[in-house]
Amino acid sequence: MSASTLRTPRRSPLVAAYGVALLVLAGAQAATAAPQLAPTATCPADAVAELGRTIDFVQGQTWTDQPQKMALNISPDLNACRVVLNVGHLSAKDEAALEAGAGPRLAIEHRKDFGRPSRTLLILWVIFGGSGLIWLYRRTARLS
């Protein structure tokens, strides 16, 4: 075969999209990696190493049955030498597994989860508000 008959294969758009997706995922994994912690006066190097292990354990989500549904906010607190985990809801089983696996440097804070509004107010509005609207409609109908 001569050099003129050889063609270089074209890359399909699917391969290009796959490459872009891999780059995005690699960037996302780097963004979710544990932050680099430096020892401070209140938190020595061995405690910082323990904080790193705690963050890795929490991010691994091996302690939960449904890791995809768990929204976590992890923030290291070097002044108090602890890792603060801010979550909306944890089952008792997950919380016990976290406390056992992460160690004493983990502090779990529960977000305020405001409950659904009471149905009683809705029912009262339907009864009395609705009757008020009917009364107003009947009154305006009489005047015209």
C-alpha atoms as a PDB file:
ATOM      1  CA  MET A   1       0.000   0.000   0.000  1.00  0.00           C
ATOM      2  CA  SER A   2       1.199   3.437  -0.752  1.00  0.00           C
ATOM      3  CA  ALA A   3       1.180   6.320   1.665  1.00  0.00           C
ATOM      4  CA  SER A   4      -1.567   8.055  -0.292  1.00  0.00           C
ATOM      5  CA  THR A   5      -4.022   5.175   0.130  1.00  0.00           C
ATOM      6  CA  LEU A   6      -3.625   4.994   3.888  1.00  0.00           C
ATOM      7  CA  ARG A   7      -6.089   7.136   5.711  1.00  0.00           C
ATOM      8  CA  THR A   8      -5.914   8.082   9.299  1.00  0.00           C
ATOM      9  CA  PRO A   9      -9.053   6.990  11.100  1.00  0.00           C
ATOM     10  CA  ARG A  10     -11.374   9.777  12.161  1.00  0.00           C
ATOM     11  CA  ARG A  11     -12.280   9.953  15.772  1.00  0.00           C
ATOM     12  CA  SER A  12     -15.955   9.729  16.301  1.00  0.00           C
ATOM     13  CA  PRO A  13     -17.781  12.403  18.285  1.00  0.00           C
ATOM     14  CA  LEU A  14     -18.666   9.722  20.831  1.00  0.00           C
ATOM     15  CA  VAL A  15     -14.990   9.150  21.629  1.00  0.00           C
ATOM     16  CA  ALA A  16     -14.471  12.898  22.028  1.00  0.00           C
ATOM     17  CA  ALA A  17     -17.495  13.172  24.316  1.00  0.00           C
ATOM     18  CA  TYR A  18     -16.202  10.244  26.346  1.00  0.00           C
ATOM     19  CA  GLY A  19     -12.844  11.960  26.767  1.00  0.00           C
ATOM     20  CA  VAL A  20     -14.496  15.196  27.895  1.00  0.00           C
ATOM     21  CA  ALA A  21     -16.633  13.267  30.382  1.00  0.00           C
ATOM     22  CA  LEU A  22     -13.539  11.600  31.826  1.00  0.00           C
ATOM     23  CA  LEU A  23     -11.839  14.973  32.257  1.00  0.00           C
ATOM     24  CA  VAL A  24     -14.899  16.397  34.002  1.00  0.00           C
ATOM     25  CA  LEU A  25     -15.145  13.402  36.320  1.00  0.00           C
ATOM     26  CA  ALA A  26     -11.446  13.610  37.138  1.00  0.00           C
ATOM     27  CA  GLY A  27     -11.880  17.281  38.013  1.00  0.00           C
ATOM     28  CA  ALA A  28     -14.919  16.490  40.171  1.00  0.00           C
ATOM     29  CA  GLN A  29     -13.011  13.787  42.017  1.00  0.00           C
ATOM     30  CA  ALA A  30     -10.141  16.164  42.637  1.00  0.00           C
ATOM     31  CA  ALA A  31     -12.599  18.763  43.939  1.00  0.00           C
ATOM     32  CA  THR A  32     -14.179  16.297  46.367  1.00  0.00           C
ATOM     33  CA  ALA A  33     -10.832  15.027  47.627  1.00  0.00           C
ATOM     34  CA  ALA A  34      -9.959  15.713  51.231  1.00  0.00           C
ATOM     35  CA  PRO A  35      -8.528  19.178  51.754  1.00  0.00           C
ATOM     36  CA  GLN A  36      -4.870  19.486  52.680  1.00  0.00           C
ATOM     37  CA  LEU A  37      -4.740  20.160  56.406  1.00  0.00           C
ATOM     38  CA  ALA A  38      -1.764  21.717  58.133  1.00  0.00           C
ATOM     39  CA  PRO A  39      -0.991  21.369  61.858  1.00  0.00           C
ATOM     40  CA  THR A  40      -1.775  24.369  64.027  1.00  0.00           C
ATOM     41  CA  ALA A  41      -1.064  25.310  67.638  1.00  0.00           C
ATOM     42  CA  THR A  42      -4.374  23.816  68.750  1.00  0.00           C
ATOM     43  CA  CYS A  43      -4.252  20.792  66.458  1.00  0.00           C
ATOM     44  CA  PRO A  44      -0.901  18.919  66.272  1.00  0.00           C
ATOM     45  CA  ALA A  45       0.255  16.772  63.340  1.00  0.00           C
ATOM     46  CA  ASP A  46      -1.011  13.433  64.714  1.00  0.00           C
ATOM     47  CA  ALA A  47      -4.467  14.956  65.278  1.00  0.00           C
ATOM     48  CA  VAL A  48      -4.422  16.393  61.734  1.00  0.00           C
ATOM     49  CA  ALA A  49      -3.651  12.914  60.376  1.00  0.00           C
ATOM     50  CA  GLU A  50      -6.608  11.575  62.359  1.00  0.00           C
ATOM     51  CA  LEU A  51      -8.808  14.340  60.918  1.00  0.00           C
ATOM     52  CA  GLY A  52      -7.749  13.279  57.426  1.00  0.00           C
ATOM     53  CA  ARG A  53      -8.666   9.661  58.146  1.00  0.00           C
ATOM     54  CA  THR A  54     -12.034  10.810  59.524  1.00  0.00           C
ATOM     55  CA  ILE A  55     -12.759  12.854  56.392  1.00  0.00           C
ATOM     56  CA  ASP A  56     -11.795   9.918  54.153  1.00  0.00           C
ATOM     57  CA  PHE A  57     -14.082   7.592  56.119  1.00  0.00           C
ATOM     58  CA  VAL A  58     -17.038   9.971  55.930  1.00  0.00           C
ATOM     59  CA  GLN A  59     -16.536  10.660  52.201  1.00  0.00           C
ATOM     60  CA  GLY A  60     -16.256   6.945  51.470  1.00  0.00           C
ATOM     61  CA  GLN A  61     -19.845   6.466  52.689  1.00  0.00           C
ATOM     62  CA  THR A  62     -19.292   2.814  53.546  1.00  0.00           C
ATOM     63  CA  TRP A  63     -21.329   3.425  56.683  1.00  0.00           C
ATOM     64  CA  THR A  64     -24.643   4.019  54.897  1.00  0.00           C
ATOM     65  CA  ASP A  65     -27.008   1.763  52.983  1.00  0.00           C
ATOM     66  CA  GLN A  66     -27.859   4.448  50.397  1.00  0.00           C
ATOM     67  CA  PRO A  67     -24.679   6.412  49.598  1.00  0.00           C
ATOM     68  CA  GLN A  68     -26.111   8.151  46.520  1.00  0.00           C
ATOM     69  CA  LYS A  69     -28.948   9.763  48.483  1.00  0.00           C
ATOM     70  CA  MET A  70     -26.784  11.175  51.268  1.00  0.00           C
ATOM     71  CA  ALA A  71     -26.043  14.920  51.021  1.00  0.00           C
ATOM     72  CA  LEU A  72     -23.044  15.729  53.188  1.00  0.00           C
ATOM     73  CA  ASN A  73     -21.364  18.971  54.162  1.00  0.00           C
ATOM     74  CA  ILE A  74     -17.965  18.162  55.659  1.00  0.00           C
ATOM     75  CA  SER A  75     -15.858  20.949  57.132  1.00  0.00           C
ATOM     76  CA  PRO A  76     -12.660  20.527  59.141  1.00  0.00           C
ATOM     77  CA  ASP A  77     -12.406  22.771  62.206  1.00  0.00           C
ATOM     78  CA  LEU A  78      -8.716  23.103  63.106  1.00  0.00           C
ATOM     79  CA  ASN A  79      -9.432  25.432  66.036  1.00  0.00           C
ATOM     80  CA  ALA A  80     -11.452  22.764  67.825  1.00  0.00           C
ATOM     81  CA  CYS A  81      -9.464  19.954  66.154  1.00  0.00           C
ATOM     82  CA  ARG A  82     -12.541  18.159  64.817  1.00  0.00           C
ATOM     83  CA  VAL A  83     -14.444  17.438  61.636  1.00  0.00           C
ATOM     84  CA  VAL A  84     -17.957  18.857  61.477  1.00  0.00           C
ATOM     85  CA  LEU A  85     -20.482  16.884  59.460  1.00  0.00           C
ATOM     86  CA  ASN A  86     -23.645  18.800  58.632  1.00  0.00           C
ATOM     87  CA  VAL A  87     -26.460  16.520  57.488  1.00  0.00           C
ATOM     88  CA  GLY A  88     -30.201  16.830  57.094  1.00  0.00           C
ATOM     89  CA  HIS A  89     -31.272  13.434  58.378  1.00  0.00           C
ATOM     90  CA  LEU A  90     -29.430  10.361  59.587  1.00  0.00           C
ATOM     91  CA  SER A  91     -30.961   7.124  60.689  1.00  0.00           C
ATOM     92  CA  ALA A  92     -29.936   5.843  64.097  1.00  0.00           C
ATOM     93  CA  LYS A  93     -28.062   3.003  62.384  1.00  0.00           C
ATOM     94  CA  ASP A  94     -26.081   5.368  60.142  1.00  0.00           C
ATOM     95  CA  GLU A  95     -25.274   7.700  63.015  1.00  0.00           C
ATOM     96  CA  ALA A  96     -24.021   4.808  65.162  1.00  0.00           C
ATOM     97  CA  ALA A  97     -21.890   3.516  62.270  1.00  0.00           C
ATOM     98  CA  LEU A  98     -20.436   6.995  61.725  1.00  0.00           C
ATOM     99  CA  GLU A  99     -19.559   7.475  65.381  1.00  0.00           C
ATOM    100  CA  ALA A 100     -17.984   4.025  65.590  1.00  0.00           C
ATOM    101  CA  GLY A 101     -15.981   4.275  62.352  1.00  0.00           C
ATOM    102  CA  ALA A 102     -14.935   7.917  62.319  1.00  0.00           C
ATOM    103  CA  GLY A 103     -13.729   8.170  65.885  1.00  0.00           C
ATOM    104  CA  PRO A 104     -13.953  10.917  68.471  1.00  0.00           C
ATOM    105  CA  ARG A 105     -12.902  13.743  66.132  1.00  0.00           C
ATOM    106  CA  LEU A 106     -16.265  13.743  64.321  1.00  0.00           C
ATOM    107  CA  ALA A 107     -19.025  16.144  65.349  1.00  0.00           C
ATOM    108  CA  ILE A 108     -22.418  15.559  63.731  1.00  0.00           C
ATOM    109  CA  GLU A 109     -24.678  18.585  63.334  1.00  0.00           C
ATOM    110  CA  HIS A 110     -28.228  18.081  62.134  1.00  0.00           C
ATOM    111  CA  ARG A 111     -29.707  20.758  59.901  1.00  0.00           C
ATOM    112  CA  LYS A 112     -33.014  22.150  61.002  1.00  0.00           C
ATOM    113  CA  ASP A 113     -35.566  20.266  59.012  1.00  0.00           C
ATOM    114  CA  PHE A 114     -38.763  22.222  59.083  1.00  0.00           C
ATOM    115  CA  GLY A 115     -41.732  19.886  59.000  1.00  0.00           C
ATOM    116  CA  ARG A 116     -44.604  20.082  56.626  1.00  0.00           C
ATOM    117  CA  PRO A 117     -47.236  22.693  57.430  1.00  0.00           C
ATOM    118  CA  SER A 118     -50.163  21.558  59.493  1.00  0.00           C
ATOM    119  CA  ARG A 119     -53.236  20.383  57.641  1.00  0.00           C
ATOM    120  CA  THR A 120     -55.401  21.920  60.332  1.00  0.00           C
ATOM    121  CA  LEU A 121     -54.754  25.435  59.030  1.00  0.00           C
ATOM    122  CA  LEU A 122     -55.563  24.348  55.509  1.00  0.00           C
ATOM    123  CA  ILE A 123     -58.825  22.746  56.601  1.00  0.00           C
ATOM    124  CA  LEU A 124     -59.813  25.833  58.619  1.00  0.00           C
ATOM    125  CA  TRP A 125     -59.060  28.082  55.662  1.00  0.00           C
ATOM    126  CA  VAL A 126     -61.101  25.895  53.319  1.00  0.00           C
ATOM    127  CA  ILE A 127     -64.056  25.894  55.704  1.00  0.00           C
ATOM    128  CA  PHE A 128     -64.070  29.507  56.834  1.00  0.00           C
ATOM    129  CA  GLY A 129     -62.255  31.155  53.958  1.00  0.00           C
ATOM    130  CA  GLY A 130     -64.374  29.283  51.466  1.00  0.00           C
ATOM    131  CA  SER A 131     -67.562  30.189  53.276  1.00  0.00           C
ATOM    132  CA  GLY A 132     -66.441  33.833  53.321  1.00  0.00           C
ATOM    133  CA  LEU A 133     -65.942  33.763  49.567  1.00  0.00           C
ATOM    134  CA  ILE A 134     -69.379  32.229  49.089  1.00  0.00           C
ATOM    135  CA  TRP A 135     -70.915  34.896  51.355  1.00  0.00           C
ATOM    136  CA  LEU A 136     -69.157  37.641  49.377  1.00  0.00           C
ATOM    137  CA  TYR A 137     -70.303  36.168  46.050  1.00  0.00           C
ATOM    138  CA  ARG A 138     -73.935  35.929  47.231  1.00  0.00           C
ATOM    139  CA  ARG A 139     -73.871  39.476  48.579  1.00  0.00           C
ATOM    140  CA  THR A 140     -72.537  40.930  45.311  1.00  0.00           C
ATOM    141  CA  ALA A 141     -75.063  38.858  43.353  1.00  0.00           C
ATOM    142  CA  ARG A 142     -77.938  40.425  45.408  1.00  0.00           C
ATOM    143  CA  LEU A 143     -76.700  43.946  44.796  1.00  0.00           C
ATOM    144  CA  SER A 144     -76.639  43.685  41.041  1.00  0.00           C
END
